[in-house]
Amino acid sequence: MIWVFWAVLIPFALLIALLVLGLLYQAAGEWVDRRRFPAPGRRVNVDGQWLHYIEAGPVPSGEDERRAGPVPTVLLEAGISASSITWSSVMPRLSRHARVIAYDRGGLAWSGPAHDARLADRLVVELEGLLEAAQVRGPLILVGHSFGGLLCLMYAAKHRERVSGIVLVDPVTRCEWIPLRPNQAARLHYGVRMALRGALLAKLGIVRLALSLLVNGARMFPQAISKAASGGANRAIERWIGEVRKLPRESWPAIRAHWSTPKTFFSMASHLKNLPESVTQYDAENFPVHVPLTVLSAESASPYAVAEHHADAKRSLIGRHRVVPESGHWIHLDQPEAVIESVLRLIDFVESLRRSG
């Protein structure tokens, strides 16, 4: 019977040893990443949630504003599991003409772990606190990609006199989630399960190891981990990697570090789980019609998405809708000039109003 005892004990001991090694590998990796990739901007505490933001462009003093007038601020709101890094192709150009702020929602990139459910109304409260902490006083132009577009619309509906213009970059299609059809519910449930599996594998250092091997040219192990984490949704992961590769190469190591941590996967799971309720929290009838609104649709967008985007643009008295050629969902990576042009147009409009007023 002794051989049975050892036959059970040895594999169990090896499993425990591997788990401990994985936890140590992950802890050491996070320690190294914090020193290799320190937060490039500021971290502020908004109602218990630590948020990180970066800014560029002029931040005038009170005397400067009295002499030349308030400088517009452009707030960049990223997609559902994206961070401030995704605006790298847009931010430098815009900062020549305005103060530009990009930030990371709770649980993403350099922000702290998410303490509350990632519901849109809660995220708008955090955005309010961030803008207050950043001392944004002048005209405010909101730029939102995908899910970030929903947050921009909700903020504008709540602070209609605060917003001077909005640019939506292929915003999330609300009619896709209201009412929630069985196939869409299954799709969301699948995404949440994928994210939670990813969080577990990240805790054990397996995601970190897979990404490191992938960067160094290995394929088999990362693909096996991808299947384990996603239930076989390799094409979706490959599409995401394809989008990341459109960003400046120097940003890739930081993105890899962020996606090696459990908090990123937990935040993504919460965003996805609460997406249907988040969408219902916006009432399109409350959109402030006096706010200029530009909606950019991807060439790859579905007909019903383009129709909703067009309808949203028409709610504004100064609305504009455009389908951007040769673009996918991440227009600001495929065709950054289209986003830059739309934002600069609004900055010029705000400036012309100030000069004429």
Protein backbone atom coordinates (compact mmCIF):
# COMPACT_ATOMS: atom_id res chain seq x y z
CA MET A 1 0.00 0.00 0.00
CA ILE A 2 2.97 2.29 0.52
CA TRP A 3 3.44 2.71 -3.22
CA VAL A 4 -0.15 3.96 -3.55
CA PHE A 5 0.55 6.57 -0.88
CA TRP A 6 3.61 7.84 -2.74
CA ALA A 7 1.84 7.68 -6.10
CA VAL A 8 -0.72 10.13 -4.75
CA LEU A 9 1.60 12.26 -2.63
CA ILE A 10 4.30 12.96 -5.21
CA PRO A 11 2.00 14.44 -7.91
CA PHE A 12 0.17 16.44 -5.23
CA ALA A 13 3.45 17.79 -3.87
CA LEU A 14 4.61 18.68 -7.38
CA LEU A 15 1.34 20.51 -8.02
CA ILE A 16 1.70 22.51 -4.79
CA ALA A 17 5.31 23.33 -5.68
CA LEU A 18 4.29 24.56 -9.13
CA LEU A 19 1.52 26.72 -7.67
CA VAL A 20 3.94 28.27 -5.17
CA LEU A 21 6.51 28.88 -7.88
CA GLY A 22 3.84 30.51 -10.04
CA LEU A 23 2.74 32.82 -7.22
CA LEU A 24 6.34 33.79 -6.51
CA TYR A 25 7.04 34.34 -10.22
CA GLN A 26 3.98 36.61 -10.47
CA ALA A 27 4.87 38.58 -7.33
CA ALA A 28 8.44 39.10 -8.54
CA GLY A 29 7.21 40.10 -12.00
CA GLU A 30 4.84 42.71 -10.60
CA TRP A 31 7.61 44.10 -8.40
CA VAL A 32 9.89 44.44 -11.43
CA ASP A 33 7.13 45.97 -13.59
CA ARG A 34 6.35 48.66 -11.02
CA ARG A 35 9.95 49.81 -11.31
CA ARG A 36 10.29 49.39 -15.08
CA PHE A 37 7.00 51.11 -15.89
CA PRO A 38 6.21 53.74 -13.25
CA ALA A 39 3.02 55.73 -13.72
CA PRO A 40 3.80 58.46 -16.28
CA GLY A 41 1.15 60.81 -14.88
CA ARG A 42 -0.59 61.57 -11.59
CA ARG A 43 -2.66 59.31 -9.35
CA VAL A 44 -5.61 60.83 -7.49
CA ASN A 45 -8.04 59.34 -4.99
CA VAL A 46 -11.66 59.75 -6.09
CA ASP A 47 -14.05 58.52 -3.42
CA GLY A 48 -11.75 55.63 -2.50
CA GLN A 49 -10.81 54.75 -6.09
CA TRP A 50 -7.25 55.52 -7.17
CA LEU A 51 -7.23 56.84 -10.74
CA HIS A 52 -4.24 57.59 -12.94
CA TYR A 53 -4.22 60.30 -15.60
CA ILE A 54 -1.72 61.85 -17.95
CA GLU A 55 -1.93 65.28 -19.49
CA ALA A 56 -0.21 67.25 -22.20
CA GLY A 57 -0.51 70.72 -23.67
CA PRO A 58 -0.87 74.12 -22.02
CA VAL A 59 -2.09 74.38 -18.43
CA PRO A 60 -2.37 78.19 -18.06
CA SER A 61 -2.31 80.04 -14.78
CA GLY A 62 -5.18 82.21 -13.65
CA GLU A 63 -3.37 85.26 -15.01
CA ASP A 64 -2.94 83.58 -18.42
CA GLU A 65 -6.65 82.77 -18.55
CA ARG A 66 -7.63 86.34 -17.67
CA ARG A 67 -5.38 87.65 -20.44
CA ALA A 68 -6.00 85.14 -23.25
CA GLY A 69 -9.18 83.35 -22.19
CA PRO A 70 -9.68 79.78 -20.97
CA VAL A 71 -7.83 77.03 -22.81
CA PRO A 72 -10.08 74.13 -23.90
CA THR A 73 -9.52 70.76 -22.26
CA VAL A 74 -9.91 67.56 -24.29
CA LEU A 75 -10.79 64.51 -22.18
CA LEU A 76 -10.02 61.15 -23.82
CA GLU A 77 -12.19 58.23 -22.63
CA ALA A 78 -10.97 54.78 -23.68
CA GLY A 79 -12.92 51.67 -24.67
CA ILE A 80 -14.24 48.97 -22.37
CA SER A 81 -10.94 47.33 -21.35
CA ALA A 82 -8.52 49.83 -22.87
CA SER A 83 -6.34 52.44 -21.19
CA SER A 84 -4.80 55.85 -21.72
CA ILE A 85 -2.06 54.21 -23.82
CA THR A 86 -4.51 53.63 -26.69
CA TRP A 87 -4.58 57.40 -27.36
CA SER A 88 -0.83 57.53 -28.06
CA SER A 89 -1.36 58.28 -31.76
CA VAL A 90 -3.81 61.11 -31.08
CA MET A 91 -2.70 62.88 -27.93
CA PRO A 92 0.56 64.55 -29.12
CA ARG A 93 -1.15 66.31 -32.05
CA LEU A 94 -4.09 67.51 -30.00
CA SER A 95 -1.84 68.82 -27.23
CA ARG A 96 -0.52 71.48 -29.61
CA HIS A 97 -3.93 73.14 -29.54
CA ALA A 98 -5.46 72.31 -26.14
CA ARG A 99 -4.87 70.78 -22.78
CA VAL A 100 -5.40 67.02 -23.23
CA ILE A 101 -6.14 64.49 -20.48
CA ALA A 102 -6.29 60.72 -20.85
CA TYR A 103 -6.94 58.45 -17.88
CA ASP A 104 -7.31 54.83 -16.80
CA ARG A 105 -10.57 53.67 -15.28
CA GLY A 106 -10.40 51.68 -12.06
CA GLY A 107 -8.68 48.32 -12.46
CA LEU A 108 -6.93 49.25 -15.70
CA ALA A 109 -3.29 50.14 -16.44
CA TRP A 110 -1.82 52.41 -13.73
CA SER A 111 -5.06 52.96 -11.79
CA GLY A 112 -5.74 50.99 -8.62
CA PRO A 113 -7.91 47.86 -8.50
CA ALA A 114 -11.61 48.55 -9.06
CA HIS A 115 -13.45 48.79 -5.75
CA ASP A 116 -16.97 49.14 -7.17
CA ALA A 117 -18.88 47.46 -9.97
CA ARG A 118 -17.95 48.99 -13.31
CA LEU A 119 -21.39 50.48 -13.91
CA ALA A 120 -21.64 53.54 -16.15
CA ASP A 121 -23.24 55.81 -13.53
CA ARG A 122 -20.46 54.99 -11.06
CA LEU A 123 -17.81 55.58 -13.73
CA VAL A 124 -19.31 59.00 -14.49
CA VAL A 125 -18.99 59.89 -10.79
CA GLU A 126 -15.33 58.87 -10.90
CA LEU A 127 -14.85 60.96 -14.04
CA GLU A 128 -16.37 63.96 -12.25
CA GLY A 129 -13.91 63.54 -9.39
CA LEU A 130 -10.99 63.15 -11.77
CA LEU A 131 -11.82 66.39 -13.62
CA GLU A 132 -12.13 68.19 -10.30
CA ALA A 133 -8.78 66.83 -9.09
CA ALA A 134 -7.17 67.88 -12.38
CA GLN A 135 -8.63 71.38 -11.93
CA VAL A 136 -10.32 71.48 -15.31
CA ARG A 137 -11.94 74.89 -15.54
CA GLY A 138 -12.15 75.86 -19.20
CA PRO A 139 -14.31 74.57 -22.05
CA LEU A 140 -14.50 70.77 -22.00
CA ILE A 141 -14.47 68.57 -25.13
CA LEU A 142 -15.16 64.87 -24.56
CA VAL A 143 -13.75 62.21 -26.88
CA GLY A 144 -14.93 58.65 -26.25
CA HIS A 145 -14.17 55.37 -27.98
CA SER A 146 -16.69 52.51 -27.90
CA PHE A 147 -17.91 52.12 -24.28
CA GLY A 148 -16.15 55.39 -23.50
CA GLY A 149 -18.59 57.10 -25.85
CA LEU A 150 -21.47 56.02 -23.62
CA LEU A 151 -19.76 57.61 -20.61
CA CYS A 152 -19.26 60.85 -22.57
CA LEU A 153 -22.96 61.00 -23.44
CA MET A 154 -23.97 60.33 -19.84
CA TYR A 155 -21.59 62.97 -18.50
CA ALA A 156 -22.93 65.52 -20.98
CA ALA A 157 -26.55 64.73 -20.05
CA LYS A 158 -25.67 65.28 -16.38
CA HIS A 159 -23.47 68.38 -16.91
CA ARG A 160 -25.02 69.97 -19.97
CA GLU A 161 -23.59 73.43 -19.30
CA ARG A 162 -20.12 72.04 -18.66
CA VAL A 163 -19.53 70.35 -22.03
CA SER A 164 -18.57 72.34 -25.14
CA GLY A 165 -18.40 69.46 -27.61
CA ILE A 166 -18.26 65.69 -28.03
CA VAL A 167 -16.55 63.34 -30.48
CA LEU A 168 -17.71 59.71 -30.39
CA VAL A 169 -15.32 57.20 -31.95
CA ASP A 170 -17.37 54.21 -33.13
CA PRO A 171 -19.41 54.29 -29.90
CA VAL A 172 -20.99 51.21 -28.36
CA THR A 173 -24.28 50.41 -30.08
CA ARG A 174 -27.02 50.58 -27.45
CA CYS A 175 -29.63 48.81 -29.56
CA GLU A 176 -27.31 45.80 -29.57
CA TRP A 177 -27.90 45.38 -25.83
CA ILE A 178 -31.47 46.70 -25.37
CA PRO A 179 -33.36 44.46 -25.17
CA LEU A 180 -30.79 41.83 -24.23
CA ARG A 181 -31.32 38.91 -26.58
CA PRO A 182 -30.36 35.36 -25.57
CA ASN A 183 -27.43 35.20 -27.99
CA GLN A 184 -26.06 38.50 -26.68
CA ALA A 185 -26.50 37.38 -23.07
CA ALA A 186 -24.59 34.20 -23.89
CA ARG A 187 -21.87 36.26 -25.59
CA LEU A 188 -21.46 38.46 -22.50
CA HIS A 189 -21.48 35.49 -20.14
CA TYR A 190 -18.76 33.90 -22.25
CA GLY A 191 -16.69 37.09 -22.11
CA VAL A 192 -17.02 37.30 -18.33
CA ARG A 193 -15.96 33.67 -17.93
CA MET A 194 -12.99 34.29 -20.23
CA ALA A 195 -11.91 37.30 -18.14
CA LEU A 196 -12.25 35.45 -14.82
CA ARG A 197 -10.22 32.53 -16.14
CA GLY A 198 -7.61 35.03 -17.26
CA ALA A 199 -7.54 36.54 -13.75
CA LEU A 200 -6.88 33.13 -12.20
CA LEU A 201 -4.12 32.34 -14.68
CA ALA A 202 -2.61 35.80 -14.12
CA LYS A 203 -2.53 35.21 -10.36
CA LEU A 204 -0.53 32.04 -10.96
CA GLY A 205 1.93 33.80 -13.27
CA ILE A 206 0.81 31.77 -16.28
CA VAL A 207 -0.39 34.77 -18.32
CA ARG A 208 2.89 36.56 -17.62
CA LEU A 209 4.90 33.53 -18.74
CA ALA A 210 2.78 33.05 -21.87
CA LEU A 211 3.13 36.71 -22.91
CA SER A 212 6.87 36.66 -22.28
CA LEU A 213 7.26 33.55 -24.43
CA LEU A 214 5.05 35.04 -27.13
CA VAL A 215 7.21 38.17 -27.30
CA ASN A 216 10.29 35.99 -27.64
CA GLY A 217 8.83 34.06 -30.56
CA ALA A 218 7.38 30.97 -28.88
CA ARG A 219 3.91 29.97 -30.12
CA MET A 220 2.76 26.60 -28.80
CA PHE A 221 2.62 27.35 -25.06
CA PRO A 222 0.96 30.80 -25.45
CA GLN A 223 -1.63 29.27 -27.79
CA ALA A 224 -2.38 26.52 -25.27
CA ILE A 225 -2.81 29.12 -22.51
CA SER A 226 -5.01 31.20 -24.80
CA LYS A 227 -7.32 28.21 -25.28
CA ALA A 228 -7.40 27.50 -21.56
CA ALA A 229 -8.21 31.11 -20.70
CA SER A 230 -10.81 31.75 -23.36
CA GLY A 231 -12.40 28.43 -24.09
CA GLY A 232 -10.89 28.50 -27.57
CA ALA A 233 -11.60 32.12 -28.56
CA ASN A 234 -8.18 32.52 -30.16
CA ARG A 235 -9.39 34.67 -33.01
CA ALA A 236 -10.67 37.36 -30.61
CA ILE A 237 -7.35 37.41 -28.76
CA GLU A 238 -5.43 37.57 -32.03
CA ARG A 239 -7.56 40.53 -33.13
CA TRP A 240 -6.78 42.31 -29.86
CA ILE A 241 -3.05 41.65 -30.31
CA GLY A 242 -3.37 43.02 -33.84
CA GLU A 243 -4.82 46.28 -32.47
CA VAL A 244 -2.05 46.59 -29.86
CA ARG A 245 0.55 46.26 -32.61
CA LYS A 246 -0.81 49.45 -34.19
CA LEU A 247 0.35 51.40 -31.15
CA PRO A 248 3.89 52.79 -30.90
CA ARG A 249 6.28 49.92 -30.30
CA GLU A 250 7.70 51.51 -27.17
CA SER A 251 4.29 51.16 -25.47
CA TRP A 252 4.09 47.37 -25.95
CA PRO A 253 6.11 46.34 -22.85
CA ALA A 254 3.88 48.43 -20.55
CA ILE A 255 0.72 46.98 -22.11
CA ARG A 256 2.12 43.48 -21.65
CA ALA A 257 2.84 44.27 -17.98
CA HIS A 258 -0.71 45.57 -17.42
CA TRP A 259 -2.27 42.48 -18.98
CA SER A 260 -0.13 40.23 -16.79
CA THR A 261 -1.99 41.34 -13.65
CA PRO A 262 -5.26 39.89 -12.27
CA LYS A 263 -6.79 43.33 -11.64
CA THR A 264 -7.03 44.02 -15.38
CA PHE A 265 -9.01 40.83 -16.00
CA PHE A 266 -11.27 41.46 -12.98
CA SER A 267 -12.01 44.98 -14.24
CA MET A 268 -12.77 43.68 -17.73
CA ALA A 269 -15.12 41.06 -16.26
CA SER A 270 -16.99 43.73 -14.29
CA HIS A 271 -17.26 46.03 -17.31
CA LEU A 272 -18.73 43.21 -19.39
CA LYS A 273 -21.03 41.85 -16.70
CA ASN A 274 -22.59 45.27 -16.14
CA LEU A 275 -22.70 46.38 -19.78
CA PRO A 276 -26.46 45.80 -20.33
CA GLU A 277 -27.37 47.76 -17.19
CA SER A 278 -24.86 50.49 -18.06
CA VAL A 279 -26.49 50.96 -21.45
CA THR A 280 -29.95 51.34 -19.89
CA GLN A 281 -28.66 54.14 -17.63
CA TYR A 282 -28.42 56.53 -20.59
CA ASP A 283 -31.59 58.21 -21.83
CA ALA A 284 -30.96 59.62 -25.31
CA GLU A 285 -33.84 62.06 -24.83
CA ASN A 286 -31.76 63.86 -22.21
CA PHE A 287 -28.96 64.69 -24.63
CA PRO A 288 -28.26 68.46 -24.52
CA VAL A 289 -29.12 69.49 -28.07
CA HIS A 290 -26.98 72.64 -27.91
CA VAL A 291 -23.76 70.60 -27.54
CA PRO A 292 -21.92 70.01 -30.84
CA LEU A 293 -21.63 66.29 -31.50
CA THR A 294 -19.51 64.42 -34.05
CA VAL A 295 -20.00 60.68 -34.43
CA LEU A 296 -17.42 58.64 -36.32
CA SER A 297 -18.47 55.18 -37.50
CA ALA A 298 -16.02 52.48 -38.52
CA GLU A 299 -16.25 51.27 -42.09
CA SER A 300 -16.65 47.80 -40.59
CA ALA A 301 -19.62 48.85 -38.42
CA SER A 302 -22.92 47.03 -38.94
CA PRO A 303 -25.82 48.82 -40.68
CA TYR A 304 -27.82 49.07 -37.44
CA ALA A 305 -24.78 50.57 -35.66
CA VAL A 306 -24.35 53.17 -38.40
CA ALA A 307 -28.06 53.97 -38.22
CA GLU A 308 -27.89 54.54 -34.46
CA HIS A 309 -24.76 56.66 -34.82
CA HIS A 310 -26.51 58.80 -37.43
CA ALA A 311 -29.56 59.20 -35.20
CA ASP A 312 -27.38 60.25 -32.27
CA ALA A 313 -25.66 62.91 -34.38
CA LYS A 314 -29.06 64.31 -35.43
CA ARG A 315 -30.00 64.89 -31.79
CA SER A 316 -27.53 67.76 -31.72
CA LEU A 317 -28.33 71.06 -33.38
CA ILE A 318 -24.70 70.98 -34.52
CA GLY A 319 -24.39 67.28 -35.26
CA ARG A 320 -22.15 65.54 -37.76
CA HIS A 321 -21.88 61.87 -38.69
CA ARG A 322 -19.15 60.31 -40.79
CA VAL A 323 -18.21 56.78 -41.78
CA VAL A 324 -14.41 56.65 -41.78
CA PRO A 325 -13.01 54.72 -44.78
CA GLU A 326 -10.58 51.86 -44.22
CA SER A 327 -11.21 51.70 -40.48
CA GLY A 328 -12.17 49.03 -37.99
CA HIS A 329 -13.64 49.54 -34.55
CA TRP A 330 -10.45 51.19 -33.27
CA ILE A 331 -10.61 54.18 -35.61
CA HIS A 332 -8.06 56.15 -33.55
CA LEU A 333 -5.50 53.44 -34.36
CA ASP A 334 -6.51 52.78 -37.98
CA GLN A 335 -7.18 56.37 -39.01
CA PRO A 336 -5.98 58.71 -36.22
CA GLU A 337 -6.14 61.70 -38.56
CA ALA A 338 -9.94 61.37 -38.74
CA VAL A 339 -10.21 61.66 -34.96
CA ILE A 340 -7.68 64.49 -34.76
CA GLU A 341 -9.47 66.44 -37.49
CA SER A 342 -12.84 66.08 -35.77
CA VAL A 343 -11.49 67.25 -32.41
CA LEU A 344 -9.60 70.19 -33.92
CA ARG A 345 -12.78 71.24 -35.70
CA LEU A 346 -14.56 71.43 -32.33
CA ILE A 347 -11.65 73.29 -30.73
CA ASP A 348 -11.84 75.88 -33.53
CA PHE A 349 -15.61 76.13 -33.04
CA VAL A 350 -15.22 76.70 -29.29
CA GLU A 351 -12.52 79.31 -29.91
CA SER A 352 -14.67 81.14 -32.47
CA LEU A 353 -17.55 81.31 -29.98
CA ARG A 354 -15.21 82.74 -27.34
CA ARG A 355 -13.85 85.39 -29.69
CA SER A 356 -17.31 86.40 -30.89
CA GLY A 357 -18.72 86.43 -27.35
